[in-house]
Amino acid sequence: MIFVVAEELIPEAKRGSPDKAVMSLMVGFAVMMTLDVALG
């Protein structure tokens, strides 16, 4: 799901370094989920 969003809905992710953009998106999602669980 995250990959689909990065590749289809965020066209800027395809410019420059797509791998870096996708990894940044995944790290951001992981941080958001961690904070959601930690803060309840």
N, C-alpha and C. Protein backbone atom coordinates (compact mmCIF):
# COMPACT_ATOMS: atom_id res chain seq x y z
N MET A 1 0.82 -1.19 0.00
CA MET A 1 0.00 0.00 0.00
C MET A 1 0.87 1.26 0.00
N ILE A 2 1.89 1.28 0.85
CA ILE A 2 2.78 2.43 0.92
C ILE A 2 3.51 2.62 -0.41
N PHE A 3 3.93 1.51 -1.00
CA PHE A 3 4.63 1.57 -2.28
C PHE A 3 3.73 2.16 -3.36
N VAL A 4 2.47 1.76 -3.37
CA VAL A 4 1.52 2.26 -4.36
C VAL A 4 1.35 3.77 -4.20
N VAL A 5 1.22 4.23 -2.98
CA VAL A 5 1.08 5.67 -2.73
C VAL A 5 2.32 6.41 -3.21
N ALA A 6 3.50 5.88 -2.87
CA ALA A 6 4.74 6.55 -3.25
C ALA A 6 4.92 6.59 -4.76
N GLU A 7 4.57 5.53 -5.44
CA GLU A 7 4.79 5.45 -6.88
C GLU A 7 3.70 6.11 -7.72
N GLU A 8 2.45 6.04 -7.28
CA GLU A 8 1.35 6.54 -8.10
C GLU A 8 0.83 7.91 -7.68
N LEU A 9 0.71 8.16 -6.42
CA LEU A 9 0.09 9.40 -5.96
C LEU A 9 1.08 10.51 -5.67
N ILE A 10 2.34 10.18 -5.56
CA ILE A 10 3.35 11.20 -5.29
C ILE A 10 4.35 11.18 -6.44
N PRO A 11 4.07 11.90 -7.52
CA PRO A 11 4.94 11.84 -8.69
C PRO A 11 6.36 12.36 -8.42
N GLU A 12 6.53 13.20 -7.41
CA GLU A 12 7.86 13.70 -7.09
C GLU A 12 8.77 12.58 -6.62
N ALA A 13 8.20 11.49 -6.11
CA ALA A 13 9.00 10.37 -5.64
C ALA A 13 9.74 9.69 -6.77
N LYS A 14 9.26 9.88 -8.00
CA LYS A 14 9.91 9.25 -9.14
C LYS A 14 11.11 10.06 -9.64
N ARG A 15 11.19 11.32 -9.28
CA ARG A 15 12.31 12.15 -9.70
C ARG A 15 13.46 12.00 -8.71
N GLY A 16 14.65 12.21 -9.18
CA GLY A 16 15.81 12.14 -8.29
C GLY A 16 16.11 10.72 -7.91
N SER A 17 15.91 10.37 -6.65
CA SER A 17 16.21 9.04 -6.14
C SER A 17 14.93 8.40 -5.62
N PRO A 18 14.26 7.58 -6.45
CA PRO A 18 13.00 6.97 -6.01
C PRO A 18 13.17 6.06 -4.80
N ASP A 19 14.29 5.35 -4.74
CA ASP A 19 14.51 4.45 -3.60
C ASP A 19 14.60 5.23 -2.30
N LYS A 20 15.26 6.36 -2.33
CA LYS A 20 15.38 7.20 -1.13
C LYS A 20 14.03 7.75 -0.71
N ALA A 21 13.22 8.15 -1.68
CA ALA A 21 11.89 8.68 -1.38
C ALA A 21 11.00 7.61 -0.75
N VAL A 22 11.04 6.40 -1.30
CA VAL A 22 10.22 5.31 -0.78
C VAL A 22 10.68 4.93 0.62
N MET A 23 11.99 4.85 0.83
CA MET A 23 12.49 4.51 2.16
C MET A 23 12.12 5.59 3.19
N SER A 24 12.19 6.85 2.79
CA SER A 24 11.81 7.93 3.70
C SER A 24 10.33 7.83 4.07
N LEU A 25 9.51 7.49 3.09
CA LEU A 25 8.08 7.34 3.35
C LEU A 25 7.82 6.18 4.32
N MET A 26 8.53 5.08 4.13
CA MET A 26 8.37 3.92 5.02
C MET A 26 8.84 4.23 6.43
N VAL A 27 9.95 4.93 6.56
CA VAL A 27 10.46 5.30 7.89
C VAL A 27 9.47 6.24 8.57
N GLY A 28 8.94 7.19 7.84
CA GLY A 28 7.95 8.11 8.40
C GLY A 28 6.70 7.38 8.86
N PHE A 29 6.26 6.40 8.06
CA PHE A 29 5.09 5.61 8.44
C PHE A 29 5.37 4.80 9.70
N ALA A 30 6.57 4.21 9.79
CA ALA A 30 6.94 3.42 10.97
C ALA A 30 6.98 4.30 12.22
N VAL A 31 7.51 5.50 12.09
CA VAL A 31 7.56 6.43 13.24
C VAL A 31 6.14 6.82 13.65
N MET A 32 5.28 7.09 12.67
CA MET A 32 3.90 7.46 12.99
C MET A 32 3.19 6.32 13.72
N MET A 33 3.37 5.09 13.26
CA MET A 33 2.72 3.96 13.91
C MET A 33 3.28 3.73 15.31
N THR A 34 4.59 3.90 15.48
CA THR A 34 5.21 3.74 16.81
C THR A 34 4.65 4.77 17.77
N LEU A 35 4.55 6.01 17.34
CA LEU A 35 3.99 7.05 18.21
C LEU A 35 2.52 6.79 18.51
N ASP A 36 1.77 6.27 17.54
CA ASP A 36 0.38 5.96 17.76
C ASP A 36 0.22 4.90 18.85
N VAL A 37 1.05 3.88 18.80
CA VAL A 37 0.98 2.81 19.80
C VAL A 37 1.48 3.31 21.16
N ALA A 38 2.58 4.07 21.15
CA ALA A 38 3.17 4.54 22.40
C ALA A 38 2.28 5.53 23.13
N LEU A 39 1.62 6.40 22.39
CA LEU A 39 0.81 7.44 23.02
C LEU A 39 -0.66 7.04 23.17
N GLY A 40 -0.99 5.90 22.63
CA GLY A 40 -2.35 5.38 22.79
C GLY A 40 -3.35 6.14 22.05
